[in-house]
């Protein structure tokens, strides 16, 4: 399970639960659609959920993005996914360092902060890079993916 928890009290956890359609072995897209369990601790509250919202290759891409940041290499400052529920963004923080922000939309927002109720309010948690280990986060995602390899040919 991916677990990010710096000293600011924010927490983000993500784990792979299952294929959305385990019976489909070689169907484009549907065979590689994953159910994701998540937990978020935010200053306004805590919430959990399970949503079908990432493909196997998107989880691979996220692990590679984490590794690239950990290596200090140049990278696009954000990574999003086909389903717009989750977005990761690398930003400058007030101390001159870097900060990872995780944004939540649609099904990943808690009942008290639905997008249609608060359309202009970004819901996010922040992680100063010096307080988290993205190399370990990337390794955890790759390890979790061993149970859910990409199944369809593209």
Protein backbone atom coordinates (compact mmCIF):
# COMPACT_ATOMS: atom_id res chain seq x y z
CA UNK A 1 0.00 0.00 0.00
CA UNK A 2 1.25 3.46 -0.91
CA UNK A 3 1.38 5.56 2.26
CA UNK A 4 2.35 9.24 2.33
CA UNK A 5 2.28 10.97 5.72
CA UNK A 6 4.54 13.98 6.32
CA UNK A 7 4.67 16.05 9.51
CA UNK A 8 1.82 18.39 8.46
CA UNK A 9 -0.88 15.84 9.36
CA UNK A 10 -1.95 15.13 5.78
CA UNK A 11 -2.17 11.45 4.81
CA UNK A 12 -2.73 9.74 1.48
CA UNK A 13 -2.98 5.97 1.11
CA UNK A 14 -3.65 4.03 -2.07
CA UNK A 15 -3.85 0.30 -2.62
CA UNK A 16 -4.89 -1.89 -5.51
CA UNK A 17 -7.93 -4.01 -4.68
CA UNK A 18 -8.76 -6.01 -7.82
CA UNK A 19 -9.40 -5.84 -11.50
CA UNK A 20 -12.77 -4.21 -12.16
CA UNK A 21 -13.58 -7.04 -14.57
CA UNK A 22 -11.52 -10.06 -13.47
CA UNK A 23 -13.29 -12.34 -15.94
CA UNK A 24 -12.11 -10.30 -18.95
CA UNK A 25 -8.62 -11.51 -19.85
CA UNK A 26 -7.82 -9.74 -23.14
CA UNK A 27 -10.31 -6.93 -23.70
CA UNK A 28 -8.79 -3.58 -24.54
CA UNK A 29 -9.10 -1.29 -21.53
CA UNK A 30 -11.64 -3.31 -19.53
CA UNK A 31 -9.14 -6.09 -18.78
CA UNK A 32 -6.74 -3.63 -17.18
CA UNK A 33 -9.15 -1.42 -15.24
CA UNK A 34 -8.36 -1.50 -11.51
CA UNK A 35 -10.38 -0.95 -8.37
CA UNK A 36 -8.45 1.32 -6.01
CA UNK A 37 -8.86 1.71 -2.25
CA UNK A 38 -7.87 5.08 -0.86
CA UNK A 39 -7.73 6.89 2.45
CA UNK A 40 -7.18 10.62 2.91
CA UNK A 41 -6.60 12.69 6.03
CA UNK A 42 -7.19 16.39 5.38
CA UNK A 43 -7.47 19.29 7.84
CA UNK A 44 -11.25 19.29 7.28
CA UNK A 45 -11.76 15.57 7.75
CA UNK A 46 -10.86 12.04 6.84
CA UNK A 47 -12.43 9.85 4.16
CA UNK A 48 -11.99 6.51 2.46
CA UNK A 49 -13.35 4.89 -0.63
CA UNK A 50 -13.00 2.29 -3.34
CA UNK A 51 -13.28 3.41 -6.93
CA UNK A 52 -12.53 1.97 -10.35
CA UNK A 53 -10.39 4.74 -11.69
CA UNK A 54 -6.90 3.67 -12.78
CA UNK A 55 -5.56 1.38 -15.48
CA UNK A 56 -2.60 -0.91 -14.82
CA UNK A 57 -0.39 1.20 -17.09
CA UNK A 58 -1.44 4.38 -15.28
CA UNK A 59 -0.18 2.94 -12.00
CA UNK A 60 3.06 2.03 -13.80
CA UNK A 61 3.28 5.60 -15.09
CA UNK A 62 2.75 7.00 -11.59
CA UNK A 63 5.55 4.83 -10.19
CA UNK A 64 7.87 6.01 -12.98
CA UNK A 65 6.89 9.64 -12.32
CA UNK A 66 7.73 9.20 -8.61
CA UNK A 67 11.11 7.64 -9.51
CA UNK A 68 11.94 10.49 -11.88
CA UNK A 69 11.22 13.07 -9.18
CA UNK A 70 13.24 11.09 -6.62
CA UNK A 71 16.17 11.00 -9.05
CA UNK A 72 16.01 14.78 -9.45
CA UNK A 73 15.47 14.50 -13.20
CA UNK A 74 13.40 16.95 -15.25
CA UNK A 75 9.75 15.95 -15.50
CA UNK A 76 6.34 17.28 -16.38
CA UNK A 77 5.05 18.92 -13.19
CA UNK A 78 1.82 16.93 -13.08
CA UNK A 79 0.37 13.55 -13.85
CA UNK A 80 -3.31 12.87 -14.36
CA UNK A 81 -5.29 9.91 -15.54
CA UNK A 82 -8.10 8.99 -17.95
CA UNK A 83 -10.63 9.27 -15.14
CA UNK A 84 -10.23 12.80 -13.73
CA UNK A 85 -10.62 11.73 -10.09
CA UNK A 86 -7.00 12.07 -9.09
CA UNK A 87 -4.16 14.42 -10.04
CA UNK A 88 -0.60 14.69 -8.73
CA UNK A 89 1.24 18.00 -9.11
CA UNK A 90 4.78 18.99 -8.20
CA UNK A 91 4.92 22.62 -7.02
CA UNK A 92 7.33 25.01 -5.33
CA UNK A 93 6.61 25.40 -1.64
CA UNK A 94 6.96 28.53 0.48
CA UNK A 95 10.35 27.44 1.86
CA UNK A 96 11.90 27.24 -1.60
CA UNK A 97 11.70 23.46 -1.80
CA UNK A 98 9.29 21.24 -3.68
CA UNK A 99 5.94 19.93 -2.59
CA UNK A 100 3.77 17.12 -3.97
CA UNK A 101 0.08 17.95 -4.10
CA UNK A 102 -2.60 15.32 -4.56
CA UNK A 103 -5.92 16.67 -5.86
CA UNK A 104 -9.26 14.87 -5.57
CA UNK A 105 -12.28 15.19 -7.85
CA UNK A 106 -15.63 13.52 -8.55
CA UNK A 107 -15.82 10.06 -6.88
CA UNK A 108 -12.67 10.63 -4.84
CA UNK A 109 -14.09 13.63 -2.99
CA UNK A 110 -15.84 13.13 0.35
CA UNK A 111 -19.59 13.78 0.70
CA UNK A 112 -18.93 17.11 2.44
CA UNK A 113 -16.91 18.47 -0.51
CA UNK A 114 -18.60 17.24 -3.69
CA UNK A 115 -17.49 18.93 -6.91
CA UNK A 116 -21.02 20.09 -7.80
CA UNK A 117 -21.33 21.74 -4.37
CA UNK A 118 -17.86 23.29 -4.35
CA UNK A 119 -16.87 23.54 -8.04
CA UNK A 120 -14.19 26.20 -7.51
CA UNK A 121 -12.66 24.75 -4.34
CA UNK A 122 -9.69 22.50 -5.03
CA UNK A 123 -9.52 19.64 -2.56
CA UNK A 124 -5.93 18.59 -2.00
CA UNK A 125 -3.35 17.33 0.42
CA UNK A 126 0.30 18.43 0.40
CA UNK A 127 3.52 16.57 0.99
CA UNK A 128 6.86 18.40 1.26
CA UNK A 129 9.30 16.28 -0.74
CA UNK A 130 11.91 16.33 2.01
CA UNK A 131 9.39 14.56 4.29
CA UNK A 132 8.34 11.71 2.00
CA UNK A 133 10.18 8.92 0.21
CA UNK A 134 9.00 8.82 -3.41
CA UNK A 135 11.49 6.09 -4.32
CA UNK A 136 9.82 3.79 -1.78
CA UNK A 137 6.37 4.92 -2.97
CA UNK A 138 7.32 3.95 -6.53
CA UNK A 139 8.61 0.56 -5.37
CA UNK A 140 5.42 -0.10 -3.42
CA UNK A 141 3.28 0.61 -6.48
CA UNK A 142 5.41 -1.70 -8.64
CA UNK A 143 5.18 -4.44 -6.00
CA UNK A 144 1.37 -4.06 -5.79
CA UNK A 145 1.15 -4.26 -9.59
CA UNK A 146 2.72 -7.73 -9.55
CA UNK A 147 -0.70 -9.00 -8.44
CA UNK A 148 -2.41 -7.09 -11.27
CA UNK A 149 -0.22 -7.20 -14.38
CA UNK A 150 -1.34 -5.67 -17.64
CA UNK A 151 -3.42 -8.34 -19.38
CA UNK A 152 -4.54 -6.98 -22.76
CA UNK A 153 -2.43 -6.33 -25.84
CA UNK A 154 -2.26 -2.71 -27.01
